[in-house]
PDB file of all heavy atoms in Angstrom:
ATOM      1  N   VAL A   1       0.011 -16.748  -1.950  1.00  0.00           N
ATOM      2  CA  VAL A   1      -1.481 -17.114  -2.022  1.00  0.00           C
ATOM      3  C   VAL A   1      -1.646 -17.853  -3.379  1.00  0.00           C
ATOM      4  O   VAL A   1      -0.903 -17.717  -4.424  1.00  0.00           O
ATOM      5  CB  VAL A   1      -2.248 -15.685  -2.050  1.00  0.00           C
ATOM      6  CG1 VAL A   1      -1.898 -14.930  -3.240  1.00  0.00           C
ATOM      7  CG2 VAL A   1      -3.715 -16.014  -1.991  1.00  0.00           C
ATOM      8  N   GLN A   2      -2.715 -18.660  -3.336  1.00  0.00           N
ATOM      9  CA  GLN A   2      -3.007 -19.464  -4.607  1.00  0.00           C
ATOM     10  C   GLN A   2      -3.809 -18.438  -5.524  1.00  0.00           C
ATOM     11  O   GLN A   2      -4.392 -17.528  -5.115  1.00  0.00           O
ATOM     12  CB  GLN A   2      -3.904 -20.595  -4.357  1.00  0.00           C
ATOM     13  CG  GLN A   2      -3.185 -21.717  -3.625  1.00  0.00           C
ATOM     14  CD  GLN A   2      -4.089 -22.985  -3.549  1.00  0.00           C
ATOM     15  OE1 GLN A   2      -5.298 -22.910  -3.395  1.00  0.00           O
ATOM     16  NE2 GLN A   2      -3.460 -24.171  -3.571  1.00  0.00           N
ATOM     17  N   ALA A   3      -3.735 -18.800  -6.784  1.00  0.00           N
ATOM     18  CA  ALA A   3      -4.461 -17.997  -7.869  1.00  0.00           C
ATOM     19  C   ALA A   3      -5.811 -18.022  -7.560  1.00  0.00           C
ATOM     20  O   ALA A   3      -6.433 -19.081  -7.073  1.00  0.00           O
ATOM     21  CB  ALA A   3      -4.225 -18.614  -9.230  1.00  0.00           C
ATOM     22  N   GLY A   4      -6.509 -16.874  -7.606  1.00  0.00           N
ATOM     23  CA  GLY A   4      -7.885 -16.652  -7.263  1.00  0.00           C
ATOM     24  C   GLY A   4      -8.097 -16.209  -5.786  1.00  0.00           C
ATOM     25  O   GLY A   4      -9.209 -15.827  -5.424  1.00  0.00           O
ATOM     26  N   GLY A   5      -7.013 -16.215  -5.060  1.00  0.00           N
ATOM     27  CA  GLY A   5      -7.031 -15.895  -3.635  1.00  0.00           C
ATOM     28  C   GLY A   5      -7.035 -14.316  -3.480  1.00  0.00           C
ATOM     29  O   GLY A   5      -6.998 -13.525  -4.436  1.00  0.00           O
ATOM     30  N   SER A   6      -6.937 -13.879  -2.247  1.00  0.00           N
ATOM     31  CA  SER A   6      -6.873 -12.475  -1.802  1.00  0.00           C
ATOM     32  C   SER A   6      -5.779 -12.163  -0.842  1.00  0.00           C
ATOM     33  O   SER A   6      -5.456 -13.021  -0.111  1.00  0.00           O
ATOM     34  CB  SER A   6      -8.212 -12.003  -1.284  1.00  0.00           C
ATOM     35  OG  SER A   6      -9.268 -12.224  -2.172  1.00  0.00           O
ATOM     36  N   LEU A   7      -5.302 -10.923  -0.910  1.00  0.00           N
ATOM     37  CA  LEU A   7      -4.416 -10.399   0.104  1.00  0.00           C
ATOM     38  C   LEU A   7      -4.747  -8.874   0.315  1.00  0.00           C
ATOM     39  O   LEU A   7      -5.259  -8.316  -0.687  1.00  0.00           O
ATOM     40  CB  LEU A   7      -2.944 -10.534  -0.373  1.00  0.00           C
ATOM     41  CG  LEU A   7      -2.225 -11.869  -0.359  1.00  0.00           C
ATOM     42  CD1 LEU A   7      -0.796 -11.648  -1.000  1.00  0.00           C
ATOM     43  CD2 LEU A   7      -2.126 -12.340   1.155  1.00  0.00           C
ATOM     44  N   ARG A   8      -4.463  -8.421   1.453  1.00  0.00           N
ATOM     45  CA  ARG A   8      -4.558  -7.062   1.768  1.00  0.00           C
ATOM     46  C   ARG A   8      -3.260  -6.543   2.138  1.00  0.00           C
ATOM     47  O   ARG A   8      -2.727  -6.901   3.216  1.00  0.00           O
ATOM     48  CB  ARG A   8      -5.654  -6.668   2.750  1.00  0.00           C
ATOM     49  CG  ARG A   8      -5.858  -5.225   2.888  1.00  0.00           C
ATOM     50  CD  ARG A   8      -6.943  -4.812   3.904  1.00  0.00           C
ATOM     51  NE  ARG A   8      -6.533  -4.846   5.279  1.00  0.00           N
ATOM     52  CZ  ARG A   8      -7.177  -4.046   6.172  1.00  0.00           C
ATOM     53  NH1 ARG A   8      -8.190  -3.264   5.887  1.00  0.00           N
ATOM     54  NH2 ARG A   8      -6.679  -4.180   7.439  1.00  0.00           N
ATOM     55  N   LEU A   9      -2.673  -5.615   1.432  1.00  0.00           N
ATOM     56  CA  LEU A   9      -1.450  -4.999   1.749  1.00  0.00           C
ATOM     57  C   LEU A   9      -1.739  -3.667   2.588  1.00  0.00           C
ATOM     58  O   LEU A   9      -2.743  -2.975   2.286  1.00  0.00           O
ATOM     59  CB  LEU A   9      -0.703  -4.568   0.531  1.00  0.00           C
ATOM     60  CG  LEU A   9      -0.410  -5.698  -0.516  1.00  0.00           C
ATOM     61  CD1 LEU A   9       0.542  -5.154  -1.671  1.00  0.00           C
ATOM     62  CD2 LEU A   9       0.253  -6.892   0.190  1.00  0.00           C
ATOM     63  N   SER A  10      -0.857  -3.383   3.464  1.00  0.00           N
ATOM     64  CA  SER A  10      -1.019  -2.147   4.213  1.00  0.00           C
ATOM     65  C   SER A  10       0.354  -1.393   4.082  1.00  0.00           C
ATOM     66  O   SER A  10       1.389  -1.890   3.882  1.00  0.00           O
ATOM     67  CB  SER A  10      -1.127  -2.478   5.744  1.00  0.00           C
ATOM     68  OG  SER A  10      -2.364  -3.169   5.970  1.00  0.00           O
ATOM     69  N   CYS A  11       0.141  -0.042   4.216  1.00  0.00           N
ATOM     70  CA  CYS A  11       1.336   0.909   4.131  1.00  0.00           C
ATOM     71  C   CYS A  11       1.153   1.822   5.248  1.00  0.00           C
ATOM     72  O   CYS A  11       0.259   2.674   5.213  1.00  0.00           O
ATOM     73  CB  CYS A  11       1.294   1.539   2.802  1.00  0.00           C
ATOM     74  SG  CYS A  11       2.650   2.946   2.678  1.00  0.00           S
ATOM     75  N   ALA A  12       2.024   1.661   6.303  1.00  0.00           N
ATOM     76  CA  ALA A  12       1.968   2.469   7.438  1.00  0.00           C
ATOM     77  C   ALA A  12       2.991   3.649   7.324  1.00  0.00           C
ATOM     78  O   ALA A  12       4.117   3.457   6.990  1.00  0.00           O
ATOM     79  CB  ALA A  12       2.275   1.695   8.744  1.00  0.00           C
ATOM     80  N   ALA A  13       2.381   4.809   7.675  1.00  0.00           N
ATOM     81  CA  ALA A  13       3.273   6.045   7.517  1.00  0.00           C
ATOM     82  C   ALA A  13       3.636   6.670   8.849  1.00  0.00           C
ATOM     83  O   ALA A  13       2.694   6.612   9.774  1.00  0.00           O
ATOM     84  CB  ALA A  13       2.667   6.997   6.620  1.00  0.00           C
ATOM     85  N   SER A  14       4.777   7.083   9.063  1.00  0.00           N
ATOM     86  CA  SER A  14       5.258   7.907  10.216  1.00  0.00           C
ATOM     87  C   SER A  14       5.640   9.237   9.658  1.00  0.00           C
ATOM     88  O   SER A  14       6.045   9.386   8.487  1.00  0.00           O
ATOM     89  CB  SER A  14       6.302   7.224  10.841  1.00  0.00           C
ATOM     90  OG  SER A  14       7.468   7.012  10.208  1.00  0.00           O
ATOM     91  N   GLY A  15       5.610  10.199  10.577  1.00  0.00           N
ATOM     92  CA  GLY A  15       5.923  11.588  10.134  1.00  0.00           C
ATOM     93  C   GLY A  15       4.647  12.358  10.122  1.00  0.00           C
ATOM     94  O   GLY A  15       3.587  11.899  10.197  1.00  0.00           O
ATOM     95  N   ARG A  16       4.809  13.550   9.771  1.00  0.00           N
ATOM     96  CA  ARG A  16       3.735  14.586   9.752  1.00  0.00           C
ATOM     97  C   ARG A  16       3.012  14.680   8.427  1.00  0.00           C
ATOM     98  O   ARG A  16       3.712  14.535   7.294  1.00  0.00           O
ATOM     99  CB  ARG A  16       4.190  15.883  10.252  1.00  0.00           C
ATOM    100  CG  ARG A  16       4.791  15.917  11.687  1.00  0.00           C
ATOM    101  CD  ARG A  16       5.300  17.206  12.028  1.00  0.00           C
ATOM    102  NE  ARG A  16       4.216  18.223  12.205  1.00  0.00           N
ATOM    103  CZ  ARG A  16       4.407  19.472  12.455  1.00  0.00           C
ATOM    104  NH1 ARG A  16       5.632  19.879  12.791  1.00  0.00           N
ATOM    105  NH2 ARG A  16       3.413  20.309  12.640  1.00  0.00           N
ATOM    106  N   GLY A  17       1.843  15.004   8.399  1.00  0.00           N
ATOM    107  CA  GLY A  17       1.076  15.431   7.099  1.00  0.00           C
ATOM    108  C   GLY A  17       0.590  14.346   6.298  1.00  0.00           C
ATOM    109  O   GLY A  17       0.377  14.639   5.131  1.00  0.00           O
ATOM    110  N   PHE A  18       0.405  13.121   6.792  1.00  0.00           N
ATOM    111  CA  PHE A  18       0.030  12.021   5.936  1.00  0.00           C
ATOM    112  C   PHE A  18      -1.236  12.352   5.159  1.00  0.00           C
ATOM    113  O   PHE A  18      -1.418  12.075   3.985  1.00  0.00           O
ATOM    114  CB  PHE A  18      -0.248  10.768   6.874  1.00  0.00           C
ATOM    115  CG  PHE A  18      -0.811   9.591   6.056  1.00  0.00           C
ATOM    116  CD1 PHE A  18       0.044   8.752   5.440  1.00  0.00           C
ATOM    117  CD2 PHE A  18      -2.111   9.343   6.091  1.00  0.00           C
ATOM    118  CE1 PHE A  18      -0.377   7.635   4.758  1.00  0.00           C
ATOM    119  CE2 PHE A  18      -2.649   8.244   5.365  1.00  0.00           C
ATOM    120  CZ  PHE A  18      -1.752   7.357   4.687  1.00  0.00           C
ATOM    121  N   SER A  19      -2.236  13.101   5.772  1.00  0.00           N
ATOM    122  CA  SER A  19      -3.439  13.298   5.048  1.00  0.00           C
ATOM    123  C   SER A  19      -3.327  14.323   3.891  1.00  0.00           C
ATOM    124  O   SER A  19      -4.142  14.303   3.036  1.00  0.00           O
ATOM    125  CB  SER A  19      -4.484  13.887   6.021  1.00  0.00           C
ATOM    126  OG  SER A  19      -3.999  15.084   6.578  1.00  0.00           O
ATOM    127  N   MET A  20      -2.193  14.912   3.838  1.00  0.00           N
ATOM    128  CA  MET A  20      -1.871  16.021   2.762  1.00  0.00           C
ATOM    129  C   MET A  20      -1.402  15.315   1.517  1.00  0.00           C
ATOM    130  O   MET A  20      -1.298  15.900   0.500  1.00  0.00           O
ATOM    131  CB  MET A  20      -1.002  17.017   3.302  1.00  0.00           C
ATOM    132  CG  MET A  20      -1.417  17.712   4.571  1.00  0.00           C
ATOM    133  SD  MET A  20      -2.958  18.636   4.374  1.00  0.00           S
ATOM    134  CE  MET A  20      -2.295  20.110   3.519  1.00  0.00           C
ATOM    135  N   TYR A  21      -0.835  14.136   1.665  1.00  0.00           N
ATOM    136  CA  TYR A  21      -0.090  13.463   0.570  1.00  0.00           C
ATOM    137  C   TYR A  21      -1.078  12.708  -0.364  1.00  0.00           C
ATOM    138  O   TYR A  21      -2.068  12.121   0.070  1.00  0.00           O
ATOM    139  CB  TYR A  21       0.855  12.469   1.167  1.00  0.00           C
ATOM    140  CG  TYR A  21       2.040  13.105   1.760  1.00  0.00           C
ATOM    141  CD1 TYR A  21       2.083  13.387   3.194  1.00  0.00           C
ATOM    142  CD2 TYR A  21       3.213  13.435   1.062  1.00  0.00           C
ATOM    143  CE1 TYR A  21       3.118  13.966   3.764  1.00  0.00           C
ATOM    144  CE2 TYR A  21       4.250  14.084   1.655  1.00  0.00           C
ATOM    145  CZ  TYR A  21       4.280  14.305   3.046  1.00  0.00           C
ATOM    146  OH  TYR A  21       5.331  14.955   3.655  1.00  0.00           O
ATOM    147  N   ALA A  22      -0.782  12.669  -1.637  1.00  0.00           N
ATOM    148  CA  ALA A  22      -1.350  11.589  -2.518  1.00  0.00           C
ATOM    149  C   ALA A  22      -0.500  10.386  -2.423  1.00  0.00           C
ATOM    150  O   ALA A  22       0.784  10.497  -2.056  1.00  0.00           O
ATOM    151  CB  ALA A  22      -1.221  12.085  -3.903  1.00  0.00           C
ATOM    152  N   LEU A  23      -1.059   9.207  -2.562  1.00  0.00           N
ATOM    153  CA  LEU A  23      -0.339   7.992  -2.276  1.00  0.00           C
ATOM    154  C   LEU A  23      -0.489   6.995  -3.460  1.00  0.00           C
ATOM    155  O   LEU A  23      -1.406   7.148  -4.258  1.00  0.00           O
ATOM    156  CB  LEU A  23      -0.941   7.259  -1.092  1.00  0.00           C
ATOM    157  CG  LEU A  23      -1.008   8.146   0.212  1.00  0.00           C
ATOM    158  CD1 LEU A  23      -1.833   7.528   1.250  1.00  0.00           C
ATOM    159  CD2 LEU A  23       0.400   8.414   0.730  1.00  0.00           C
ATOM    160  N   GLY A  24       0.364   6.129  -3.534  1.00  0.00           N
ATOM    161  CA  GLY A  24       0.264   5.124  -4.712  1.00  0.00           C
ATOM    162  C   GLY A  24       0.855   3.823  -4.326  1.00  0.00           C
ATOM    163  O   GLY A  24       1.688   3.681  -3.380  1.00  0.00           O
ATOM    164  N   TRP A  25       0.434   2.742  -5.139  1.00  0.00           N
ATOM    165  CA  TRP A  25       1.047   1.445  -5.059  1.00  0.00           C
ATOM    166  C   TRP A  25       1.677   1.125  -6.399  1.00  0.00           C
ATOM    167  O   TRP A  25       1.075   1.464  -7.515  1.00  0.00           O
ATOM    168  CB  TRP A  25      -0.027   0.389  -4.752  1.00  0.00           C
ATOM    169  CG  TRP A  25      -0.446   0.413  -3.337  1.00  0.00           C
ATOM    170  CD1 TRP A  25      -1.609   0.880  -2.838  1.00  0.00           C
ATOM    171  CD2 TRP A  25       0.116  -0.319  -2.207  1.00  0.00           C
ATOM    172  NE1 TRP A  25      -1.721   0.653  -1.494  1.00  0.00           N
ATOM    173  CE2 TRP A  25      -0.610  -0.079  -1.104  1.00  0.00           C
ATOM    174  CE3 TRP A  25       1.363  -1.017  -2.105  1.00  0.00           C
ATOM    175  CZ2 TRP A  25      -0.289  -0.517   0.104  1.00  0.00           C
ATOM    176  CZ3 TRP A  25       1.736  -1.475  -0.887  1.00  0.00           C
ATOM    177  CH2 TRP A  25       0.920  -1.266   0.228  1.00  0.00           C
ATOM    178  N   PHE A  26       2.852   0.678  -6.407  1.00  0.00           N
ATOM    179  CA  PHE A  26       3.640   0.196  -7.608  1.00  0.00           C
ATOM    180  C   PHE A  26       4.128  -1.203  -7.304  1.00  0.00           C
ATOM    181  O   PHE A  26       4.171  -1.677  -6.224  1.00  0.00           O
ATOM    182  CB  PHE A  26       4.809   1.214  -7.888  1.00  0.00           C
ATOM    183  CG  PHE A  26       4.283   2.549  -8.257  1.00  0.00           C
ATOM    184  CD1 PHE A  26       3.954   3.504  -7.222  1.00  0.00           C
ATOM    185  CD2 PHE A  26       4.182   2.943  -9.569  1.00  0.00           C
ATOM    186  CE1 PHE A  26       3.501   4.772  -7.548  1.00  0.00           C
ATOM    187  CE2 PHE A  26       3.821   4.181  -9.898  1.00  0.00           C
ATOM    188  CZ  PHE A  26       3.438   5.096  -8.964  1.00  0.00           C
ATOM    189  N   ARG A  27       4.559  -1.862  -8.427  1.00  0.00           N
ATOM    190  CA  ARG A  27       5.091  -3.101  -8.247  1.00  0.00           C
ATOM    191  C   ARG A  27       6.184  -3.442  -9.254  1.00  0.00           C
ATOM    192  O   ARG A  27       6.244  -2.712 -10.301  1.00  0.00           O
ATOM    193  CB  ARG A  27       4.008  -4.232  -8.465  1.00  0.00           C
ATOM    194  CG  ARG A  27       3.382  -4.307  -9.822  1.00  0.00           C
ATOM    195  CD  ARG A  27       2.173  -5.288  -9.801  1.00  0.00           C
ATOM    196  NE  ARG A  27       1.673  -5.446 -11.129  1.00  0.00           N
ATOM    197  CZ  ARG A  27       0.533  -6.085 -11.346  1.00  0.00           C
ATOM    198  NH1 ARG A  27      -0.203  -6.611 -10.276  1.00  0.00           N
ATOM    199  NH2 ARG A  27       0.077  -6.131 -12.583  1.00  0.00           N
ATOM    200  N   GLN A  28       7.157  -4.315  -8.798  1.00  0.00           N
ATOM    201  CA  GLN A  28       8.208  -4.621  -9.663  1.00  0.00           C
ATOM    202  C   GLN A  28       8.417  -6.177  -9.704  1.00  0.00           C
ATOM    203  O   GLN A  28       8.532  -6.765  -8.670  1.00  0.00           O
ATOM    204  CB  GLN A  28       9.554  -4.057  -8.989  1.00  0.00           C
ATOM    205  CG  GLN A  28      10.713  -3.964  -9.931  1.00  0.00           C
ATOM    206  CD  GLN A  28      11.678  -2.965  -9.448  1.00  0.00           C
ATOM    207  OE1 GLN A  28      11.914  -2.797  -8.139  1.00  0.00           O
ATOM    208  NE2 GLN A  28      12.330  -2.196 -10.303  1.00  0.00           N
ATOM    209  N   ALA A  29       8.229  -6.684 -10.916  1.00  0.00           N
ATOM    210  CA  ALA A  29       8.422  -8.157 -11.154  1.00  0.00           C
ATOM    211  C   ALA A  29       9.748  -8.645 -10.967  1.00  0.00           C
ATOM    212  O   ALA A  29      10.760  -7.829 -11.144  1.00  0.00           O
ATOM    213  CB  ALA A  29       7.819  -8.459 -12.489  1.00  0.00           C
TER     214      ALA A  29
END
């Protein structure tokens, strides 16, 4: 994407209990 633009990341989970978890996004340069 060009600077100033937008993206939407998604994280799809499989397995049980998704609503019980805390979640996070991290990045590595």
